[in-house]
C-alpha atoms as a PDB file:
ATOM      1  CA  UNK A   1      19.678  15.852  -0.638  1.00  0.00           C
ATOM      2  CA  UNK A   2      18.629  14.312   2.650  1.00  0.00           C
ATOM      3  CA  UNK A   3      21.234  13.271   5.192  1.00  0.00           C
ATOM      4  CA  UNK A   4      20.324  10.207   7.246  1.00  0.00           C
ATOM      5  CA  UNK A   5      20.990  11.896  10.573  1.00  0.00           C
ATOM      6  CA  UNK A   6      18.691  14.844   9.803  1.00  0.00           C
ATOM      7  CA  UNK A   7      15.725  12.983   8.333  1.00  0.00           C
ATOM      8  CA  UNK A   8      12.641  12.097  10.304  1.00  0.00           C
ATOM      9  CA  UNK A   9      10.250   9.192   9.716  1.00  0.00           C
ATOM     10  CA  UNK A  10       6.520   9.072  10.281  1.00  0.00           C
ATOM     11  CA  UNK A  11       4.275   6.012   9.845  1.00  0.00           C
ATOM     12  CA  UNK A  12       0.760   6.333   8.414  1.00  0.00           C
ATOM     13  CA  UNK A  13      -1.434   3.494   9.699  1.00  0.00           C
ATOM     14  CA  UNK A  14      -4.810   2.750   8.114  1.00  0.00           C
ATOM     15  CA  UNK A  15      -7.020   1.257  10.823  1.00  0.00           C
ATOM     16  CA  UNK A  16     -10.610   0.883  12.035  1.00  0.00           C
ATOM     17  CA  UNK A  17     -12.608   1.267  15.262  1.00  0.00           C
ATOM     18  CA  UNK A  18      -9.661   2.145  17.504  1.00  0.00           C
ATOM     19  CA  UNK A  19     -10.590   3.627  20.893  1.00  0.00           C
ATOM     20  CA  UNK A  20      -7.062   4.075  22.260  1.00  0.00           C
ATOM     21  CA  UNK A  21      -3.408   3.986  21.177  1.00  0.00           C
ATOM     22  CA  UNK A  22      -2.776   0.294  21.904  1.00  0.00           C
ATOM     23  CA  UNK A  23      -1.921  -0.300  18.243  1.00  0.00           C
ATOM     24  CA  UNK A  24       1.181   1.826  18.687  1.00  0.00           C
ATOM     25  CA  UNK A  25       2.633  -0.759  21.063  1.00  0.00           C
ATOM     26  CA  UNK A  26       1.171  -3.818  19.326  1.00  0.00           C
ATOM     27  CA  UNK A  27       2.829  -2.776  16.071  1.00  0.00           C
ATOM     28  CA  UNK A  28       6.198  -2.195  17.779  1.00  0.00           C
ATOM     29  CA  UNK A  29       6.233   1.403  16.588  1.00  0.00           C
ATOM     30  CA  UNK A  30       8.983   3.730  17.752  1.00  0.00           C
ATOM     31  CA  UNK A  31       8.584   6.835  15.573  1.00  0.00           C
ATOM     32  CA  UNK A  32       6.021   9.548  14.945  1.00  0.00           C
ATOM     33  CA  UNK A  33       2.732   8.000  13.798  1.00  0.00           C
ATOM     34  CA  UNK A  34      -0.539   9.095  12.219  1.00  0.00           C
ATOM     35  CA  UNK A  35      -3.448   6.694  12.725  1.00  0.00           C
ATOM     36  CA  UNK A  36      -6.162   7.211  10.103  1.00  0.00           C
ATOM     37  CA  UNK A  37      -9.011   5.598  12.008  1.00  0.00           C
ATOM     38  CA  UNK A  38     -12.388   4.737  10.440  1.00  0.00           C
ATOM     39  CA  UNK A  39     -15.024   4.569  13.136  1.00  0.00           C
ATOM     40  CA  UNK A  40     -18.457   5.827  14.148  1.00  0.00           C
ATOM     41  CA  UNK A  41     -17.345   9.215  15.447  1.00  0.00           C
ATOM     42  CA  UNK A  42     -15.330  12.310  14.498  1.00  0.00           C
ATOM     43  CA  UNK A  43     -12.326  13.028  16.708  1.00  0.00           C
ATOM     44  CA  UNK A  44      -8.736  14.260  16.726  1.00  0.00           C
ATOM     45  CA  UNK A  45      -6.304  13.193  19.435  1.00  0.00           C
ATOM     46  CA  UNK A  46      -2.563  13.783  19.799  1.00  0.00           C
ATOM     47  CA  UNK A  47      -0.106  12.531  22.387  1.00  0.00           C
ATOM     48  CA  UNK A  48       3.659  12.731  22.912  1.00  0.00           C
ATOM     49  CA  UNK A  49       5.388   9.481  23.890  1.00  0.00           C
ATOM     50  CA  UNK A  50       9.174   9.017  24.156  1.00  0.00           C
ATOM     51  CA  UNK A  51       9.651  12.253  22.182  1.00  0.00           C
ATOM     52  CA  UNK A  52       7.429  10.940  19.378  1.00  0.00           C
ATOM     53  CA  UNK A  53       4.127  12.442  18.308  1.00  0.00           C
ATOM     54  CA  UNK A  54       1.199  10.060  17.955  1.00  0.00           C
ATOM     55  CA  UNK A  55      -1.867  11.408  16.142  1.00  0.00           C
ATOM     56  CA  UNK A  56      -5.229   9.648  15.903  1.00  0.00           C
ATOM     57  CA  UNK A  57      -7.553  11.091  13.263  1.00  0.00           C
ATOM     58  CA  UNK A  58     -10.938   9.400  13.642  1.00  0.00           C
ATOM     59  CA  UNK A  59     -13.654   9.936  11.025  1.00  0.00           C
ATOM     60  CA  UNK A  60     -16.845   8.306   9.797  1.00  0.00           C
ATOM     61  CA  UNK A  61     -15.414   8.074   6.281  1.00  0.00           C
ATOM     62  CA  UNK A  62     -15.233   4.637   4.647  1.00  0.00           C
ATOM     63  CA  UNK A  63     -12.695   3.192   2.223  1.00  0.00           C
ATOM     64  CA  UNK A  64      -8.977   2.613   2.701  1.00  0.00           C
ATOM     65  CA  UNK A  65      -8.007   5.058  -0.074  1.00  0.00           C
ATOM     66  CA  UNK A  66     -10.078   7.840   1.448  1.00  0.00           C
ATOM     67  CA  UNK A  67      -8.715   6.938   4.872  1.00  0.00           C
ATOM     68  CA  UNK A  68      -5.080   7.151   3.745  1.00  0.00           C
ATOM     69  CA  UNK A  69      -5.742  10.455   1.983  1.00  0.00           C
ATOM     70  CA  UNK A  70      -7.028  11.921   5.235  1.00  0.00           C
ATOM     71  CA  UNK A  71      -3.897  10.670   7.000  1.00  0.00           C
ATOM     72  CA  UNK A  72      -1.649  12.207   4.343  1.00  0.00           C
ATOM     73  CA  UNK A  73      -2.996  15.646   5.233  1.00  0.00           C
ATOM     74  CA  UNK A  74      -1.457  15.260   8.694  1.00  0.00           C
ATOM     75  CA  UNK A  75       1.979  13.966   7.650  1.00  0.00           C
ATOM     76  CA  UNK A  76       4.795  16.248   8.805  1.00  0.00           C
ATOM     77  CA  UNK A  77       8.030  14.202   8.630  1.00  0.00           C
ATOM     78  CA  UNK A  78      10.552  13.987   5.788  1.00  0.00           C
ATOM     79  CA  UNK A  79       9.740  10.358   5.022  1.00  0.00           C
ATOM     80  CA  UNK A  80       6.444   8.497   5.373  1.00  0.00           C
ATOM     81  CA  UNK A  81       5.918   4.728   5.642  1.00  0.00           C
ATOM     82  CA  UNK A  82       2.500   3.303   4.818  1.00  0.00           C
ATOM     83  CA  UNK A  83       1.159   0.611   7.125  1.00  0.00           C
ATOM     84  CA  UNK A  84      -1.820  -1.626   7.786  1.00  0.00           C
ATOM     85  CA  UNK A  85      -2.722  -2.290  11.392  1.00  0.00           C
ATOM     86  CA  UNK A  86      -1.880  -6.013  11.210  1.00  0.00           C
ATOM     87  CA  UNK A  87       1.849  -5.317  10.837  1.00  0.00           C
ATOM     88  CA  UNK A  88       4.559  -5.546  13.448  1.00  0.00           C
ATOM     89  CA  UNK A  89       7.684  -3.539  12.680  1.00  0.00           C
ATOM     90  CA  UNK A  90      11.145  -5.014  13.177  1.00  0.00           C
ATOM     91  CA  UNK A  91      13.555  -3.510  15.660  1.00  0.00           C
ATOM     92  CA  UNK A  92      15.463  -0.613  14.087  1.00  0.00           C
ATOM     93  CA  UNK A  93      13.015  -0.101  11.211  1.00  0.00           C
ATOM     94  CA  UNK A  94      13.506   3.669  11.330  1.00  0.00           C
ATOM     95  CA  UNK A  95      17.257   3.366  10.814  1.00  0.00           C
ATOM     96  CA  UNK A  96      16.756   0.830   8.005  1.00  0.00           C
ATOM     97  CA  UNK A  97      14.393   3.121   6.111  1.00  0.00           C
ATOM     98  CA  UNK A  98      16.276   6.381   6.573  1.00  0.00           C
ATOM     99  CA  UNK A  99      19.639   4.782   5.742  1.00  0.00           C
ATOM    100  CA  UNK A 100      18.144   3.530   2.477  1.00  0.00           C
ATOM    101  CA  UNK A 101      17.198   7.085   1.510  1.00  0.00           C
ATOM    102  CA  UNK A 102      20.740   8.227   2.329  1.00  0.00           C
ATOM    103  CA  UNK A 103      22.096   5.405   0.169  1.00  0.00           C
ATOM    104  CA  UNK A 104      19.751   6.253  -2.745  1.00  0.00           C
ATOM    105  CA  UNK A 105      19.531  10.066  -2.578  1.00  0.00           C
ATOM    106  CA  UNK A 106      17.534  10.451  -5.812  1.00  0.00           C
ATOM    107  CA  UNK A 107      14.795   8.060  -4.658  1.00  0.00           C
ATOM    108  CA  UNK A 108      11.347   9.563  -4.160  1.00  0.00           C
ATOM    109  CA  UNK A 109       9.844   6.211  -3.153  1.00  0.00           C
ATOM    110  CA  UNK A 110      11.529   3.102  -1.734  1.00  0.00           C
ATOM    111  CA  UNK A 111       9.808  -0.276  -1.474  1.00  0.00           C
ATOM    112  CA  UNK A 112      11.003  -2.627   1.265  1.00  0.00           C
ATOM    113  CA  UNK A 113      10.452  -6.288   2.064  1.00  0.00           C
ATOM    114  CA  UNK A 114       7.864  -7.507   4.527  1.00  0.00           C
ATOM    115  CA  UNK A 115       7.326 -11.105   5.604  1.00  0.00           C
ATOM    116  CA  UNK A 116       4.031 -12.904   6.006  1.00  0.00           C
ATOM    117  CA  UNK A 117       3.491 -15.277   8.932  1.00  0.00           C
ATOM    118  CA  UNK A 118       0.298 -16.773   7.559  1.00  0.00           C
ATOM    119  CA  UNK A 119       1.484 -17.545   4.026  1.00  0.00           C
ATOM    120  CA  UNK A 120       5.163 -18.054   4.860  1.00  0.00           C
ATOM    121  CA  UNK A 121       5.998 -15.619   2.012  1.00  0.00           C
ATOM    122  CA  UNK A 122       4.648 -18.141  -0.497  1.00  0.00           C
ATOM    123  CA  UNK A 123       3.079 -15.546  -2.796  1.00  0.00           C
ATOM    124  CA  UNK A 124       5.190 -12.545  -1.825  1.00  0.00           C
ATOM    125  CA  UNK A 125       7.878 -11.053  -4.034  1.00  0.00           C
ATOM    126  CA  UNK A 126      11.107 -10.712  -2.066  1.00  0.00           C
ATOM    127  CA  UNK A 127      13.563  -8.024  -3.174  1.00  0.00           C
ATOM    128  CA  UNK A 128      17.190  -9.129  -3.253  1.00  0.00           C
ATOM    129  CA  UNK A 129      18.861  -5.970  -4.566  1.00  0.00           C
ATOM    130  CA  UNK A 130      18.430  -2.257  -5.169  1.00  0.00           C
ATOM    131  CA  UNK A 131      16.710  -1.655  -8.497  1.00  0.00           C
ATOM    132  CA  UNK A 132      14.430   0.820 -10.254  1.00  0.00           C
ATOM    133  CA  UNK A 133      10.742   0.041 -10.526  1.00  0.00           C
ATOM    134  CA  UNK A 134       9.096   0.685 -13.891  1.00  0.00           C
ATOM    135  CA  UNK A 135       5.618   0.533 -15.417  1.00  0.00           C
ATOM    136  CA  UNK A 136       5.910  -3.160 -16.281  1.00  0.00           C
ATOM    137  CA  UNK A 137       6.591  -4.375 -12.713  1.00  0.00           C
ATOM    138  CA  UNK A 138       4.942  -1.746 -10.517  1.00  0.00           C
ATOM    139  CA  UNK A 139       2.013  -4.055  -9.644  1.00  0.00           C
ATOM    140  CA  UNK A 140       4.252  -6.394  -7.640  1.00  0.00           C
ATOM    141  CA  UNK A 141       4.260  -4.196  -4.536  1.00  0.00           C
ATOM    142  CA  UNK A 142       1.542  -3.554  -1.955  1.00  0.00           C
ATOM    143  CA  UNK A 143       0.984  -0.585   0.339  1.00  0.00           C
ATOM    144  CA  UNK A 144       2.753  -1.956   3.470  1.00  0.00           C
ATOM    145  CA  UNK A 145       6.034  -1.970   1.510  1.00  0.00           C
ATOM    146  CA  UNK A 146       5.746   1.658   0.394  1.00  0.00           C
ATOM    147  CA  UNK A 147       7.743   4.539   1.852  1.00  0.00           C
ATOM    148  CA  UNK A 148       8.135   7.952   0.257  1.00  0.00           C
ATOM    149  CA  UNK A 149       9.572  11.421   0.664  1.00  0.00           C
ATOM    150  CA  UNK A 150       6.650  13.527   1.804  1.00  0.00           C
ATOM    151  CA  UNK A 151       7.795  16.580  -0.133  1.00  0.00           C
ATOM    152  CA  UNK A 152       8.057  14.581  -3.382  1.00  0.00           C
ATOM    153  CA  UNK A 153       4.504  13.303  -3.042  1.00  0.00           C
ATOM    154  CA  UNK A 154       3.106  16.749  -2.261  1.00  0.00           C
ATOM    155  CA  UNK A 155       4.952  18.337  -5.168  1.00  0.00           C
ATOM    156  CA  UNK A 156       3.621  15.688  -7.575  1.00  0.00           C
ATOM    157  CA  UNK A 157       0.118  16.024  -6.073  1.00  0.00           C
ATOM    158  CA  UNK A 158      -0.459  12.254  -5.894  1.00  0.00           C
ATOM    159  CA  UNK A 159      -3.318  10.782  -3.848  1.00  0.00           C
ATOM    160  CA  UNK A 160      -4.920   7.387  -3.373  1.00  0.00           C
ATOM    161  CA  UNK A 161      -7.902   6.383  -5.491  1.00  0.00           C
ATOM    162  CA  UNK A 162     -11.111   6.206  -3.448  1.00  0.00           C
ATOM    163  CA  UNK A 163     -12.636   3.605  -5.797  1.00  0.00           C
ATOM    164  CA  UNK A 164     -10.394   0.690  -4.846  1.00  0.00           C
ATOM    165  CA  UNK A 165      -9.451  -1.198  -1.687  1.00  0.00           C
ATOM    166  CA  UNK A 166     -11.248  -2.310   1.471  1.00  0.00           C
ATOM    167  CA  UNK A 167     -14.519  -0.433   1.987  1.00  0.00           C
ATOM    168  CA  UNK A 168     -14.608   0.891  -1.602  1.00  0.00           C
ATOM    169  CA  UNK A 169     -16.605  -0.148  -4.675  1.00  0.00           C
ATOM    170  CA  UNK A 170     -13.809  -2.268  -6.143  1.00  0.00           C
ATOM    171  CA  UNK A 171     -11.921  -4.899  -4.156  1.00  0.00           C
ATOM    172  CA  UNK A 172      -8.269  -3.883  -4.296  1.00  0.00           C
ATOM    173  CA  UNK A 173      -5.606  -2.098  -6.291  1.00  0.00           C
ATOM    174  CA  UNK A 174      -5.357   1.362  -4.742  1.00  0.00           C
ATOM    175  CA  UNK A 175      -1.679   0.733  -4.016  1.00  0.00           C
ATOM    176  CA  UNK A 176      -0.899  -0.241  -7.627  1.00  0.00           C
ATOM    177  CA  UNK A 177      -2.736   2.817  -8.929  1.00  0.00           C
ATOM    178  CA  UNK A 178      -0.874   4.990  -6.435  1.00  0.00           C
ATOM    179  CA  UNK A 179       2.539   3.746  -7.593  1.00  0.00           C
ATOM    180  CA  UNK A 180       1.529   3.946 -11.259  1.00  0.00           C
ATOM    181  CA  UNK A 181       0.461   7.576 -10.778  1.00  0.00           C
ATOM    182  CA  UNK A 182       3.794   8.308  -9.097  1.00  0.00           C
ATOM    183  CA  UNK A 183       5.649   6.926 -12.113  1.00  0.00           C
ATOM    184  CA  UNK A 184       3.483   8.955 -14.483  1.00  0.00           C
ATOM    185  CA  UNK A 185       4.346  12.090 -12.490  1.00  0.00           C
ATOM    186  CA  UNK A 186       8.058  11.343 -12.880  1.00  0.00           C
ATOM    187  CA  UNK A 187       8.835  10.129  -9.360  1.00  0.00           C
ATOM    188  CA  UNK A 188      11.710   7.664  -9.021  1.00  0.00           C
ATOM    189  CA  UNK A 189      10.841   4.364  -7.346  1.00  0.00           C
ATOM    190  CA  UNK A 190      13.407   1.868  -6.049  1.00  0.00           C
ATOM    191  CA  UNK A 191      13.305  -1.471  -4.262  1.00  0.00           C
ATOM    192  CA  UNK A 192      15.583  -2.081  -1.290  1.00  0.00           C
ATOM    193  CA  UNK A 193      16.621  -5.531   0.056  1.00  0.00           C
ATOM    194  CA  UNK A 194      15.748  -5.115   3.726  1.00  0.00           C
ATOM    195  CA  UNK A 195      12.780  -6.281   5.787  1.00  0.00           C
ATOM    196  CA  UNK A 196      10.950  -3.667   7.831  1.00  0.00           C
ATOM    197  CA  UNK A 197       7.891  -5.517   9.141  1.00  0.00           C
ATOM    198  CA  UNK A 198       6.009  -8.787   9.571  1.00  0.00           C
ATOM    199  CA  UNK A 199       2.351  -9.258   8.659  1.00  0.00           C
ATOM    200  CA  UNK A 200       0.430 -10.986  11.433  1.00  0.00           C
ATOM    201  CA  UNK A 201      -2.216 -13.677  10.913  1.00  0.00           C
ATOM    202  CA  UNK A 202      -5.398 -11.693  10.354  1.00  0.00           C
ATOM    203  CA  UNK A 203      -8.392 -12.069   8.067  1.00  0.00           C
ATOM    204  CA  UNK A 204      -8.536  -9.926   4.933  1.00  0.00           C
ATOM    205  CA  UNK A 205     -11.202  -7.216   5.040  1.00  0.00           C
ATOM    206  CA  UNK A 206     -11.870  -7.467   1.307  1.00  0.00           C
ATOM    207  CA  UNK A 207     -10.811 -10.867  -0.065  1.00  0.00           C
ATOM    208  CA  UNK A 208     -13.601 -13.466   0.005  1.00  0.00           C
ATOM    209  CA  UNK A 209     -12.220 -15.875  -2.574  1.00  0.00           C
ATOM    210  CA  UNK A 210     -11.805 -15.941  -6.333  1.00  0.00           C
ATOM    211  CA  UNK A 211     -15.364 -14.906  -7.032  1.00  0.00           C
ATOM    212  CA  UNK A 212     -16.931 -13.351 -10.107  1.00  0.00           C
ATOM    213  CA  UNK A 213     -16.629  -9.936  -8.444  1.00  0.00           C
ATOM    214  CA  UNK A 214     -12.922 -10.545  -7.776  1.00  0.00           C
ATOM    215  CA  UNK A 215     -12.240 -11.140 -11.476  1.00  0.00           C
ATOM    216  CA  UNK A 216     -14.534  -8.350 -12.654  1.00  0.00           C
ATOM    217  CA  UNK A 217     -12.767  -5.909 -10.332  1.00  0.00           C
ATOM    218  CA  UNK A 218      -9.415  -7.118 -11.682  1.00  0.00           C
ATOM    219  CA  UNK A 219     -10.501  -6.196 -15.184  1.00  0.00           C
ATOM    220  CA  UNK A 220     -11.722  -2.782 -14.093  1.00  0.00           C
ATOM    221  CA  UNK A 221      -8.414  -2.174 -12.337  1.00  0.00           C
ATOM    222  CA  UNK A 222      -6.354  -3.234 -15.368  1.00  0.00           C
ATOM    223  CA  UNK A 223      -8.298  -0.824 -17.563  1.00  0.00           C
ATOM    224  CA  UNK A 224      -7.699   1.950 -15.052  1.00  0.00           C
ATOM    225  CA  UNK A 225      -3.988   1.192 -14.871  1.00  0.00           C
ATOM    226  CA  UNK A 226      -3.448   1.033 -18.624  1.00  0.00           C
ATOM    227  CA  UNK A 227      -6.385   0.926 -21.034  1.00  0.00           C
ATOM    228  CA  UNK A 228      -4.145   0.124 -23.991  1.00  0.00           C
ATOM    229  CA  UNK A 229      -2.573  -2.982 -22.448  1.00  0.00           C
ATOM    230  CA  UNK A 230      -5.425  -4.053 -20.158  1.00  0.00           C
ATOM    231  CA  UNK A 231      -6.282  -7.207 -22.118  1.00  0.00           C
ATOM    232  CA  UNK A 232      -2.622  -8.273 -22.163  1.00  0.00           C
ATOM    233  CA  UNK A 233      -2.421  -7.741 -18.405  1.00  0.00           C
ATOM    234  CA  UNK A 234      -5.522  -9.898 -17.967  1.00  0.00           C
ATOM    235  CA  UNK A 235      -4.176 -12.752 -20.078  1.00  0.00           C
ATOM    236  CA  UNK A 236      -0.793 -12.833 -18.331  1.00  0.00           C
ATOM    237  CA  UNK A 237      -2.555 -12.733 -14.951  1.00  0.00           C
ATOM    238  CA  UNK A 238      -4.686 -15.799 -15.714  1.00  0.00           C
ATOM    239  CA  UNK A 239      -1.750 -17.709 -17.163  1.00  0.00           C
ATOM    240  CA  UNK A 240       0.533 -16.852 -14.233  1.00  0.00           C
ATOM    241  CA  UNK A 241      -2.053 -17.699 -11.566  1.00  0.00           C
ATOM    242  CA  UNK A 242      -3.895 -20.541 -13.280  1.00  0.00           C
ATOM    243  CA  UNK A 243      -3.160 -22.934 -10.393  1.00  0.00           C
ATOM    244  CA  UNK A 244      -4.741 -20.573  -7.876  1.00  0.00           C
ATOM    245  CA  UNK A 245      -7.738 -19.922 -10.141  1.00  0.00           C
ATOM    246  CA  UNK A 246      -8.397 -23.497 -11.276  1.00  0.00           C
ATOM    247  CA  UNK A 247     -11.192 -24.126  -8.742  1.00  0.00           C
ATOM    248  CA  UNK A 248     -13.022 -20.999  -9.913  1.00  0.00           C
ATOM    249  CA  UNK A 249     -13.729 -22.166 -13.441  1.00  0.00           C
ATOM    250  CA  UNK A 250     -12.105 -22.637 -16.798  1.00  0.00           C
ATOM    251  CA  UNK A 251      -9.578 -20.092 -17.991  1.00  0.00           C
ATOM    252  CA  UNK A 252     -11.730 -18.797 -20.835  1.00  0.00           C
ATOM    253  CA  UNK A 253     -14.678 -18.258 -18.447  1.00  0.00           C
ATOM    254  CA  UNK A 254     -12.481 -16.307 -16.022  1.00  0.00           C
ATOM    255  CA  UNK A 255     -11.050 -14.228 -18.853  1.00  0.00           C
ATOM    256  CA  UNK A 256     -14.562 -13.440 -20.039  1.00  0.00           C
ATOM    257  CA  UNK A 257     -15.394 -11.927 -16.648  1.00  0.00           C
ATOM    258  CA  UNK A 258     -12.127  -9.949 -16.512  1.00  0.00           C
ATOM    259  CA  UNK A 259     -12.697  -8.693 -20.072  1.00  0.00           C
ATOM    260  CA  UNK A 260     -16.186  -7.545 -19.036  1.00  0.00           C
ATOM    261  CA  UNK A 261     -14.596  -5.461 -16.268  1.00  0.00           C
ATOM    262  CA  UNK A 262     -12.174  -3.954 -18.779  1.00  0.00           C
ATOM    263  CA  UNK A 263     -14.958  -3.139 -21.233  1.00  0.00           C
ATOM    264  CA  UNK A 264     -17.118  -1.536 -18.541  1.00  0.00           C
ATOM    265  CA  UNK A 265     -14.372   0.824 -17.409  1.00  0.00           C
ATOM    266  CA  UNK A 266     -15.140   4.457 -18.121  1.00  0.00           C
ATOM    267  CA  UNK A 267     -12.303   6.927 -17.632  1.00  0.00           C
END
């Protein structure tokens, strides 16, 4: 398997309307990087900085899933870390990530901790130990926590859904679908108790409150994740988050909207 000293890390950053490589420095990056940049032009640019290759792939495509898929085509390192452009990596993040893969040699995917300045980690699951991730808890982890062996992903032929996430038809969930597909393809996913980045205080590009569309999209996502258990997922969601949802209506009304999303799902 991989040896820590021979592995190489590359970061895939989903971003928009970048005209230069300033994000590389703003995000405290110090490895090879691929910027998948949604903009109003088509362009490829590559630069070498401190012995690291920085690629900027600019397209007119829209949707974070489509954007990440384009970036995946340009990944060349042993290990890839997914990133949003509002992250700032901690010092030594490369060593943290690659050492984790040396420590867990059978891991295809490792999920790390990130902290959130704006929410003070209030709603974020913090990993305290190394453990396997399974179907029942795979939805706890978002894209900025995901790293993977590039060869494992290519062999399993896993891609991001283009239906979900910022800029797509449905609000969010492309990361959950991605991890679920990895599990279905037999990839081994682990959590690792180390922080690799901090999320800065920026506005969400897709979240506009607990609206009817938010709950409908939740239902559609649950049906996509697991049609058989979609209604159970919906019920546990509303029960678990009832305090957050209470200003959006009564529980049965919210469930009705989520159930409509489940029923409308066509595989």
